[in-house]
Protein backbone atom coordinates (compact mmCIF):
# COMPACT_ATOMS: atom_id res chain seq x y z
CA MET A 1 4.73 25.16 2.03
CA PRO A 2 1.07 24.67 3.03
CA ALA A 3 -1.40 27.35 2.07
CA LYS A 4 -1.86 30.12 4.61
CA LEU A 5 -5.12 30.23 6.52
CA ASP A 6 -7.90 32.78 6.53
CA PRO A 7 -7.96 34.04 10.16
CA ARG A 8 -11.74 34.40 9.98
CA GLY A 9 -11.99 30.69 9.17
CA VAL A 10 -9.81 29.87 12.16
CA ARG A 11 -12.12 31.91 14.41
CA PHE A 12 -15.22 30.33 12.84
CA THR A 13 -13.80 26.88 13.57
CA ALA A 14 -12.95 27.94 17.13
CA ALA A 15 -16.55 29.11 17.62
CA ILE A 16 -18.00 25.75 16.59
CA THR A 17 -15.36 23.97 18.66
CA SER A 18 -16.40 26.13 21.63
CA VAL A 19 -20.00 25.01 21.25
CA ILE A 20 -18.97 21.34 21.15
CA LEU A 21 -16.71 21.77 24.18
CA ALA A 22 -19.48 23.64 26.05
CA VAL A 23 -21.89 20.77 25.34
CA GLY A 24 -19.26 18.37 26.65
CA LEU A 25 -18.79 20.47 29.78
CA VAL A 26 -22.51 20.71 30.49
CA THR A 27 -23.28 17.05 29.80
CA GLY A 28 -20.05 15.45 31.02
CA SER A 29 -20.31 13.15 28.02
CA TRP A 30 -17.12 11.35 27.06
CA ARG A 31 -18.71 10.65 23.65
CA VAL A 32 -19.01 14.35 22.85
CA LEU A 33 -15.40 14.89 23.90
CA ALA A 34 -14.29 11.84 21.91
CA VAL A 35 -15.70 13.40 18.73
CA GLN A 36 -13.89 16.68 19.41
CA THR A 37 -10.71 14.79 20.29
CA ALA A 38 -10.86 13.04 16.91
CA LEU A 39 -11.36 16.39 15.13
CA PHE A 40 -8.38 17.90 16.96
CA ALA A 41 -6.29 14.84 16.02
CA LEU A 42 -7.21 15.12 12.34
CA CYS A 43 -6.19 18.76 12.22
CA ALA A 44 -3.05 18.45 14.32
CA PHE A 45 -1.60 15.23 12.97
CA VAL A 46 -3.01 14.81 9.46
CA GLY A 47 -3.83 18.23 8.06
CA MET A 48 -5.89 21.34 8.58
CA GLY A 49 -7.76 20.69 5.32
CA LEU A 50 -9.60 17.80 6.98
CA ASN A 51 -11.38 20.04 9.46
CA PRO A 52 -15.11 19.83 8.62
CA TRP A 53 -15.76 23.26 10.16
CA GLY A 54 -13.05 24.77 7.98
CA ALA A 55 -14.64 23.14 4.94
CA LEU A 56 -18.02 24.55 5.98
CA TYR A 57 -16.47 28.00 6.32
CA ARG A 58 -14.75 27.77 2.91
CA SER A 59 -17.88 26.56 1.12
CA THR A 60 -20.59 28.69 2.74
CA VAL A 61 -19.16 31.70 4.57
CA ALA A 62 -15.95 32.70 2.78
CA PRO A 63 -17.59 33.20 -0.65
CA ARG A 64 -19.81 35.87 0.91
CA LEU A 65 -16.89 37.84 2.36
CA ARG A 66 -14.19 39.95 0.79
CA PRO A 67 -11.00 38.02 0.07
CA VAL A 68 -8.30 38.21 2.74
CA PRO A 69 -5.07 39.80 1.48
CA GLU A 70 -2.13 37.38 1.51
CA GLU A 71 -0.27 39.41 4.14
CA GLU A 72 -3.21 39.00 6.57
CA ARG A 73 -3.36 35.21 6.22
CA GLU A 74 -1.95 32.98 8.99
CA ASP A 75 0.82 30.44 8.93
CA PRO A 76 -0.80 27.03 9.52
CA ALA A 77 2.03 25.70 11.76
CA PRO A 78 1.00 27.55 14.96
CA VAL A 79 -2.65 26.69 14.34
CA ARG A 80 -1.80 22.99 13.88
CA PHE A 81 0.23 23.13 17.09
CA SER A 82 -2.75 24.64 18.92
CA GLN A 83 -4.90 21.81 17.57
CA GLY A 84 -2.39 19.40 19.13
CA VAL A 85 -2.69 21.18 22.47
CA GLY A 86 -6.48 21.02 22.15
CA PHE A 87 -6.15 17.32 21.35
CA ALA A 88 -4.18 16.71 24.56
CA PHE A 89 -6.74 18.49 26.74
CA ALA A 90 -9.71 16.89 24.98
CA LEU A 91 -8.10 13.46 25.30
CA VAL A 92 -7.58 13.94 29.04
CA ALA A 93 -11.20 15.15 29.35
CA THR A 94 -12.48 12.15 27.37
CA ILE A 95 -10.52 9.72 29.52
CA GLY A 96 -11.60 11.52 32.69
CA TYR A 97 -15.29 11.40 31.82
CA ALA A 98 -15.13 7.81 30.54
CA ALA A 99 -13.27 6.55 33.62
CA GLY A 100 -15.65 8.29 36.01
CA TRP A 101 -13.03 10.86 37.05
CA THR A 102 -15.46 13.69 36.54
CA SER A 103 -13.29 16.37 38.12
CA LEU A 104 -10.42 15.59 35.76
CA GLY A 105 -12.79 15.63 32.80
CA LEU A 106 -14.32 18.94 33.87
CA VAL A 107 -10.99 20.68 34.41
CA ALA A 108 -9.44 19.49 31.12
CA ASN A 109 -12.67 20.25 29.25
CA ALA A 110 -12.84 23.74 30.80
CA PHE A 111 -9.23 24.55 29.84
CA ALA A 112 -9.90 23.49 26.23
CA LEU A 113 -13.11 25.54 26.19
CA ILE A 114 -11.39 28.65 27.54
CA ALA A 115 -8.69 28.42 24.86
CA ALA A 116 -11.26 27.92 22.10
CA LEU A 117 -13.37 30.84 23.36
CA LEU A 118 -10.34 33.13 23.50
CA ASN A 119 -9.75 32.42 19.83
CA ALA A 120 -13.40 32.58 18.77
CA VAL A 121 -14.28 35.79 20.63
CA PHE A 122 -11.03 37.76 20.72
CA GLY A 123 -8.92 36.18 17.97
CA TYR A 124 -6.31 35.26 20.59
CA CYS A 125 -4.91 31.81 19.88
CA LEU A 126 -3.37 30.58 23.12
CA GLY A 127 -1.84 27.51 21.45
CA CYS A 128 -0.36 29.70 18.72
CA GLN A 129 1.28 31.88 21.35
CA MET A 130 2.69 28.76 23.03
CA TYR A 131 4.06 27.67 19.64
CA LEU A 132 5.78 31.01 19.08
CA LEU A 133 7.24 30.97 22.59
CA LEU A 134 8.60 27.46 22.11
CA ARG A 135 10.07 28.43 18.73
CA ARG A 136 11.80 31.39 20.33
CA PHE A 137 13.59 29.14 22.84
CA THR A 138 14.24 26.18 20.55
CA PRO A 139 17.40 26.45 18.45
CA ILE A 140 16.93 25.77 14.77
CA GLY A 141 19.27 23.20 13.24
CA GLY A 142 20.98 22.17 16.47
CA ALA A 143 23.06 24.16 18.89
CA GLN A 144 26.41 25.49 17.77
CA THR A 145 29.15 25.55 20.37
CA PRO A 146 31.91 28.13 20.03
CA THR A 147 35.38 26.80 19.32
CA SER A 148 38.48 28.27 20.86
């Protein structure tokens, strides 16, 4: 089982992600969004340990804070799922900006920014909530049908 995450690190990463997404929104630059899309992809599909903002948090910020008790740490699965959702929105924004479909880029970029800001400012991970909702309605191990 992967190591649980420090929720403060998740919020720190969301704050930096928010800044990058805000720069993308203001500039309409597909290049800025392409960088964030790649970061989302690394975290969602390869591993959370590859997030450079998480590494920055672990090396510079976390040593200055009190340790987080194990029971307060977060399961990485919902966070990875949220990174996948962020990837999808950032990819659509990147494609929109690059193809000249500015409205599509703006809308997708804005949705990603709102989600990142919710996490950074309020600690509310929209993608994590989506993950939990999907898990609630997805049977584990296949559906069992009653026999008569």
